[in-house]
């Protein structure tokens, strides 16, 4: 959704994202049915474990939703800035002000991370509690049009409530991951005490296997959903500014420069990959198993989609353009 903003909806990607969420829902229903079946067959002990995992997973999900901005800023080592703090801050605020006017959306808080890695992110549970952040490395390398394209992409995530969408989508994976760990440690530390309980071992093993399968399926679907939302943000950001070429240029520069950052620094930044404009560890090529697990589409795919946006704008401008 992009209520209260002028960010253009992308019906094609919306359909694909909806289908992915529907598949996640089916997996969730199947997971619950399997858990109920396990509980019916082996008793109530598994039900208590599942209930605890749901409560704990729900707490993690709610915490990540309401504190995503603070967590991301702390992880990136970023600080909120005002327009008077520095020339960099004034430049960043000026571009954000223009985008907010174009999109008709509330202005997010603005932050800068003092790092050479060129990147940016925006997060927050809604437009009234959002923050957009750019690194000093990004601002040093991009001109104003390119920087505007990157920030338009990032603010599109806020307008389309992507943090809410991804939090909901990740809930099942969180529960499944917790159940795998709990079943494993239950067997590791409690197996001896339950040596006389013939049901204990089958319960924990079956619970572990089912949870692991559900986690794997959920993980792949969430990564697919993440790549869809990145393409959608590219498209809506380019349409808002009317300059797909500037966003393409920024993508090429950022991806190329990230490859020159020391691997140690890239690994440190990886926890923010799902938020970043471009992943800290970039994957080239448009296919392969590695890309299936990436949070972002390949550079080639993103550039191709932006070419389609440029063609759309050219058609809308008419033959005299």
Protein backbone atom coordinates (compact mmCIF):
# COMPACT_ATOMS: atom_id res chain seq x y z
CA UNK A 1 0.00 0.00 0.00
CA UNK A 2 1.09 3.58 -0.61
CA UNK A 3 -1.71 5.48 1.10
CA UNK A 4 -1.22 9.22 1.55
CA UNK A 5 1.66 9.33 -0.93
CA UNK A 6 2.11 9.81 -4.66
CA UNK A 7 4.43 6.83 -5.02
CA UNK A 8 3.12 4.87 -8.00
CA UNK A 9 1.74 1.39 -7.26
CA UNK A 10 3.17 -1.53 -9.23
CA UNK A 11 0.30 -3.91 -9.92
CA UNK A 12 2.47 -6.64 -11.41
CA UNK A 13 4.83 -6.75 -8.48
CA UNK A 14 1.93 -6.35 -6.05
CA UNK A 15 0.32 -9.48 -7.51
CA UNK A 16 3.58 -11.40 -7.17
CA UNK A 17 4.13 -10.20 -3.62
CA UNK A 18 0.54 -11.12 -2.73
CA UNK A 19 1.04 -14.58 -4.22
CA UNK A 20 4.22 -15.02 -2.18
CA UNK A 21 2.42 -13.98 1.00
CA UNK A 22 -0.38 -16.41 0.13
CA UNK A 23 2.16 -19.24 -0.21
CA UNK A 24 3.64 -18.29 3.15
CA UNK A 25 0.13 -18.45 4.59
CA UNK A 26 -0.36 -21.95 3.17
CA UNK A 27 2.94 -23.05 4.69
CA UNK A 28 1.84 -21.60 8.03
CA UNK A 29 -1.49 -23.47 7.91
CA UNK A 30 0.31 -26.71 7.00
CA UNK A 31 2.79 -26.10 9.83
CA UNK A 32 0.03 -25.61 12.39
CA UNK A 33 -1.76 -28.73 11.12
CA UNK A 34 1.46 -30.75 11.48
CA UNK A 35 2.01 -29.42 15.01
CA UNK A 36 -1.56 -30.32 15.99
CA UNK A 37 -1.02 -33.79 14.52
CA UNK A 38 2.20 -34.22 16.50
CA UNK A 39 0.47 -33.10 19.69
CA UNK A 40 -2.45 -35.46 19.11
CA UNK A 41 -0.17 -38.42 18.46
CA UNK A 42 2.39 -37.87 21.18
CA UNK A 43 0.74 -35.84 23.90
CA UNK A 44 0.76 -32.29 25.22
CA UNK A 45 4.50 -31.74 25.70
CA UNK A 46 4.96 -30.57 22.12
CA UNK A 47 2.06 -28.12 22.46
CA UNK A 48 3.81 -26.36 25.34
CA UNK A 49 7.01 -26.03 23.30
CA UNK A 50 5.10 -24.63 20.31
CA UNK A 51 3.17 -22.16 22.48
CA UNK A 52 6.39 -20.91 24.03
CA UNK A 53 7.99 -20.52 20.58
CA UNK A 54 4.96 -18.58 19.28
CA UNK A 55 5.00 -16.21 22.26
CA UNK A 56 8.76 -15.70 22.04
CA UNK A 57 8.66 -15.32 18.24
CA UNK A 58 5.83 -12.82 18.53
CA UNK A 59 7.87 -10.80 21.00
CA UNK A 60 10.84 -10.75 18.63
CA UNK A 61 8.63 -9.72 15.70
CA UNK A 62 6.88 -6.91 17.61
CA UNK A 63 10.18 -5.67 18.98
CA UNK A 64 11.80 -5.61 15.54
CA UNK A 65 8.79 -3.77 14.10
CA UNK A 66 8.60 -1.03 16.74
CA UNK A 67 12.34 -0.58 17.18
CA UNK A 68 13.57 -1.26 13.63
CA UNK A 69 14.72 2.35 13.23
CA UNK A 70 16.73 2.38 16.46
CA UNK A 71 18.20 -1.08 15.78
CA UNK A 72 19.24 -0.15 12.23
CA UNK A 73 20.80 3.18 13.26
CA UNK A 74 22.74 1.54 16.10
CA UNK A 75 23.95 -1.29 13.85
CA UNK A 76 25.09 1.18 11.18
CA UNK A 77 26.69 3.52 13.72
CA UNK A 78 24.56 6.33 12.28
CA UNK A 79 23.53 9.59 13.92
CA UNK A 80 20.47 11.73 13.26
CA UNK A 81 21.36 15.14 11.83
CA UNK A 82 19.68 18.50 11.39
CA UNK A 83 20.12 20.74 8.32
CA UNK A 84 22.47 23.03 10.25
CA UNK A 85 24.88 20.34 11.43
CA UNK A 86 27.06 20.32 8.30
CA UNK A 87 27.08 20.84 4.54
CA UNK A 88 26.50 17.11 4.08
CA UNK A 89 23.49 17.23 6.40
CA UNK A 90 22.07 20.30 4.64
CA UNK A 91 22.45 18.59 1.25
CA UNK A 92 20.75 15.42 2.50
CA UNK A 93 17.89 17.31 4.13
CA UNK A 94 17.34 19.37 0.98
CA UNK A 95 16.93 16.26 -1.17
CA UNK A 96 14.64 14.57 1.40
CA UNK A 97 12.51 17.75 1.58
CA UNK A 98 12.09 17.73 -2.21
CA UNK A 99 11.14 14.05 -2.29
CA UNK A 100 8.62 14.48 0.52
CA UNK A 101 7.01 17.32 -1.43
CA UNK A 102 6.92 15.20 -4.60
CA UNK A 103 5.52 12.17 -2.78
CA UNK A 104 3.20 14.09 -0.43
CA UNK A 105 4.42 12.15 2.58
CA UNK A 106 5.63 13.10 6.08
CA UNK A 107 9.31 13.88 6.35
CA UNK A 108 11.30 11.07 7.97
CA UNK A 109 14.13 11.69 10.38
CA UNK A 110 17.46 12.03 8.59
CA UNK A 111 20.70 10.31 9.61
CA UNK A 112 24.25 9.93 8.35
CA UNK A 113 26.58 6.97 8.91
CA UNK A 114 30.26 7.85 8.86
CA UNK A 115 31.58 4.98 6.76
CA UNK A 116 33.29 4.73 3.38
CA UNK A 117 30.92 2.00 2.19
CA UNK A 118 28.48 3.70 -0.25
CA UNK A 119 24.96 2.75 0.82
CA UNK A 120 21.66 3.97 2.22
CA UNK A 121 18.62 2.60 3.99
CA UNK A 122 15.23 3.67 5.30
CA UNK A 123 13.19 1.93 7.95
CA UNK A 124 10.40 2.49 10.44
CA UNK A 125 7.02 0.91 11.20
CA UNK A 126 5.19 3.70 9.33
CA UNK A 127 5.75 7.07 7.66
CA UNK A 128 5.37 8.94 10.97
CA UNK A 129 8.11 6.87 12.65
CA UNK A 130 10.60 6.53 9.82
CA UNK A 131 14.26 7.37 9.36
CA UNK A 132 16.32 7.59 6.18
CA UNK A 133 20.08 7.23 6.34
CA UNK A 134 22.91 7.73 3.87
CA UNK A 135 26.58 6.96 4.38
CA UNK A 136 29.31 9.53 3.91
CA UNK A 137 30.80 7.21 1.29
CA UNK A 138 27.58 7.34 -0.73
CA UNK A 139 27.25 11.11 -0.53
CA UNK A 140 30.87 11.60 -1.57
CA UNK A 141 30.50 9.44 -4.68
CA UNK A 142 27.09 10.46 -6.06
CA UNK A 143 25.88 13.71 -7.59
CA UNK A 144 22.57 15.21 -6.48
CA UNK A 145 20.42 13.47 -9.12
CA UNK A 146 21.93 10.07 -8.29
CA UNK A 147 21.56 10.63 -4.56
CA UNK A 148 17.97 11.73 -5.08
CA UNK A 149 17.27 8.48 -6.98
CA UNK A 150 18.71 6.38 -4.16
CA UNK A 151 16.75 8.23 -1.48
CA UNK A 152 13.55 8.03 -3.56
CA UNK A 153 14.06 4.25 -3.67
CA UNK A 154 14.58 4.08 0.09
CA UNK A 155 11.62 6.31 0.96
CA UNK A 156 9.45 4.13 -1.27
CA UNK A 157 10.02 1.31 1.23
CA UNK A 158 8.49 3.52 3.90
CA UNK A 159 5.59 4.61 1.68
CA UNK A 160 4.76 0.99 0.82
CA UNK A 161 5.09 -0.16 4.47
CA UNK A 162 7.71 -2.73 3.59
CA UNK A 163 8.92 -3.08 7.18
CA UNK A 164 5.44 -4.19 8.23
CA UNK A 165 5.16 -6.57 5.28
CA UNK A 166 8.54 -8.21 5.89
CA UNK A 167 7.94 -8.47 9.64
CA UNK A 168 4.68 -10.33 9.07
CA UNK A 169 6.32 -12.53 6.43
CA UNK A 170 9.22 -13.37 8.76
CA UNK A 171 7.04 -14.38 11.71
CA UNK A 172 6.66 -17.99 10.58
CA UNK A 173 10.38 -18.38 9.91
CA UNK A 174 11.18 -17.01 13.38
CA UNK A 175 8.87 -19.55 15.03
CA UNK A 176 10.26 -22.43 12.95
CA UNK A 177 13.86 -21.44 13.74
CA UNK A 178 13.07 -21.25 17.46
CA UNK A 179 11.41 -24.68 17.38
CA UNK A 180 14.45 -26.23 15.67
CA UNK A 181 16.71 -24.85 18.38
CA UNK A 182 14.38 -25.75 21.24
CA UNK A 183 13.87 -29.31 19.98
CA UNK A 184 17.63 -29.74 19.53
CA UNK A 185 18.55 -28.44 22.99
CA UNK A 186 15.68 -30.38 24.54
CA UNK A 187 17.21 -33.59 23.21
CA UNK A 188 20.78 -32.50 23.95
CA UNK A 189 20.22 -31.56 27.58
CA UNK A 190 17.04 -33.41 28.46
CA UNK A 191 17.30 -36.72 26.62
CA UNK A 192 18.89 -38.58 29.46
CA UNK A 193 16.25 -37.55 31.96
CA UNK A 194 13.52 -38.80 29.62
CA UNK A 195 15.12 -42.14 28.83
CA UNK A 196 12.03 -43.98 30.04
CA UNK A 197 9.67 -41.91 27.92
CA UNK A 198 9.45 -43.68 24.57
CA UNK A 199 7.48 -40.80 23.06
CA UNK A 200 10.03 -38.09 23.91
CA UNK A 201 12.55 -38.89 21.19
CA UNK A 202 10.01 -39.19 18.33
CA UNK A 203 8.31 -35.94 19.39
CA UNK A 204 11.52 -33.91 19.37
CA UNK A 205 12.92 -35.45 16.19
CA UNK A 206 9.68 -35.00 14.24
CA UNK A 207 9.25 -31.46 15.58
CA UNK A 208 12.83 -30.64 14.58
CA UNK A 209 12.47 -32.05 11.06
CA UNK A 210 9.09 -30.38 10.41
CA UNK A 211 10.35 -27.04 11.75
CA UNK A 212 13.54 -27.23 9.67
CA UNK A 213 11.57 -27.90 6.47
CA UNK A 214 9.16 -25.05 7.23
CA UNK A 215 12.05 -22.71 7.98
CA UNK A 216 13.79 -23.58 4.70
CA UNK A 217 10.63 -22.99 2.64
CA UNK A 218 9.84 -19.77 4.50
CA UNK A 219 13.41 -18.52 4.05
CA UNK A 220 13.30 -18.96 0.27
CA UNK A 221 9.86 -17.31 0.00
CA UNK A 222 10.93 -14.38 2.18
CA UNK A 223 14.03 -13.84 0.04
CA UNK A 224 11.81 -13.89 -3.06
CA UNK A 225 9.48 -11.35 -1.46
CA UNK A 226 12.47 -9.18 -0.52
CA UNK A 227 13.70 -9.11 -4.13
CA UNK A 228 10.22 -8.15 -5.35
CA UNK A 229 10.05 -5.23 -2.94
CA UNK A 230 13.47 -3.99 -4.10
CA UNK A 231 12.32 -4.01 -7.73
CA UNK A 232 9.13 -2.23 -6.72
CA UNK A 233 11.12 0.44 -4.85
CA UNK A 234 13.39 0.94 -7.88
CA UNK A 235 10.38 1.39 -10.14
CA UNK A 236 8.34 3.69 -7.90
CA UNK A 237 11.40 5.77 -6.97
CA UNK A 238 12.35 6.23 -10.65
CA UNK A 239 8.78 7.19 -11.55
CA UNK A 240 8.62 9.71 -8.72
CA UNK A 241 11.79 11.54 -9.78
CA UNK A 242 11.27 10.91 -13.50
CA UNK A 243 14.96 10.00 -13.84
CA UNK A 244 15.53 6.24 -14.13
CA UNK A 245 18.93 6.95 -15.69
CA UNK A 246 20.12 8.65 -12.50
CA UNK A 247 19.10 5.65 -10.42
CA UNK A 248 20.82 3.32 -12.92
CA UNK A 249 24.00 5.37 -12.66
CA UNK A 250 23.82 5.26 -8.87
CA UNK A 251 23.33 1.47 -8.90
CA UNK A 252 26.35 0.96 -11.13
CA UNK A 253 28.54 3.26 -9.04
CA UNK A 254 27.45 1.83 -5.69
CA UNK A 255 27.78 -1.81 -6.77
CA UNK A 256 31.20 -1.20 -8.31
CA UNK A 257 32.50 0.70 -5.29
CA UNK A 258 31.19 -1.84 -2.78
CA UNK A 259 33.38 -4.43 -4.50
CA UNK A 260 36.43 -2.36 -3.51
CA UNK A 261 35.54 -2.21 0.19
CA UNK A 262 37.59 -4.62 2.39
CA UNK A 263 35.80 -7.94 2.94
CA UNK A 264 36.08 -7.50 6.72
CA UNK A 265 34.06 -4.27 6.56
CA UNK A 266 31.48 -5.83 4.24
CA UNK A 267 30.91 -8.73 6.64
CA UNK A 268 30.41 -6.25 9.47
CA UNK A 269 27.73 -4.49 7.43
CA UNK A 270 25.92 -7.66 6.33
CA UNK A 271 23.32 -7.60 9.16
CA UNK A 272 21.81 -4.57 7.40
CA UNK A 273 21.63 -6.20 3.96
CA UNK A 274 17.83 -6.44 4.05
CA UNK A 275 17.66 -2.66 4.62
CA UNK A 276 20.46 -1.50 2.31
CA UNK A 277 20.01 0.04 -1.13
CA UNK A 278 22.56 -2.50 -2.41
CA UNK A 279 23.74 -5.61 -0.52
CA UNK A 280 27.11 -5.43 1.21
CA UNK A 281 28.15 -8.66 -0.52
CA UNK A 282 26.95 -8.23 -4.10
CA UNK A 283 26.12 -11.20 -6.31
CA UNK A 284 26.63 -10.80 -10.04
CA UNK A 285 24.60 -12.57 -12.66
CA UNK A 286 20.85 -13.02 -12.89
CA UNK A 287 20.52 -16.70 -12.06
CA UNK A 288 21.96 -19.47 -9.95
CA UNK A 289 21.38 -20.88 -6.51
CA UNK A 290 23.31 -18.07 -4.80
CA UNK A 291 20.99 -15.39 -6.16
CA UNK A 292 17.97 -17.40 -4.95
CA UNK A 293 19.13 -16.69 -1.39
CA UNK A 294 19.94 -13.00 -1.95
CA UNK A 295 17.91 -10.19 -0.39
CA UNK A 296 18.27 -8.14 -3.60
CA UNK A 297 17.86 -8.85 -7.32
CA UNK A 298 21.02 -8.95 -9.39
CA UNK A 299 22.36 -5.67 -10.75
CA UNK A 300 21.52 -6.80 -14.28
CA UNK A 301 17.89 -7.44 -13.36
CA UNK A 302 17.52 -4.07 -11.66
CA UNK A 303 19.04 -2.20 -14.61
CA UNK A 304 16.78 -4.06 -17.05
CA UNK A 305 13.68 -3.14 -15.04
CA UNK A 306 14.77 0.51 -14.94
CA UNK A 307 15.13 0.44 -18.72
CA UNK A 308 11.46 -0.59 -18.87
CA UNK A 309 10.56 2.38 -16.67
CA UNK A 310 12.47 4.69 -19.03
CA UNK A 311 10.56 3.28 -21.99
CA UNK A 312 7.29 3.81 -20.13
CA UNK A 313 8.19 7.44 -19.44
CA UNK A 314 9.22 7.96 -23.07
CA UNK A 315 5.87 6.62 -24.30
CA UNK A 316 4.02 8.85 -21.85
CA UNK A 317 5.97 11.88 -23.05
CA UNK A 318 4.85 11.30 -26.64
CA UNK A 319 6.68 11.35 -29.99
CA UNK A 320 7.93 14.94 -29.59
CA UNK A 321 10.13 14.12 -26.65
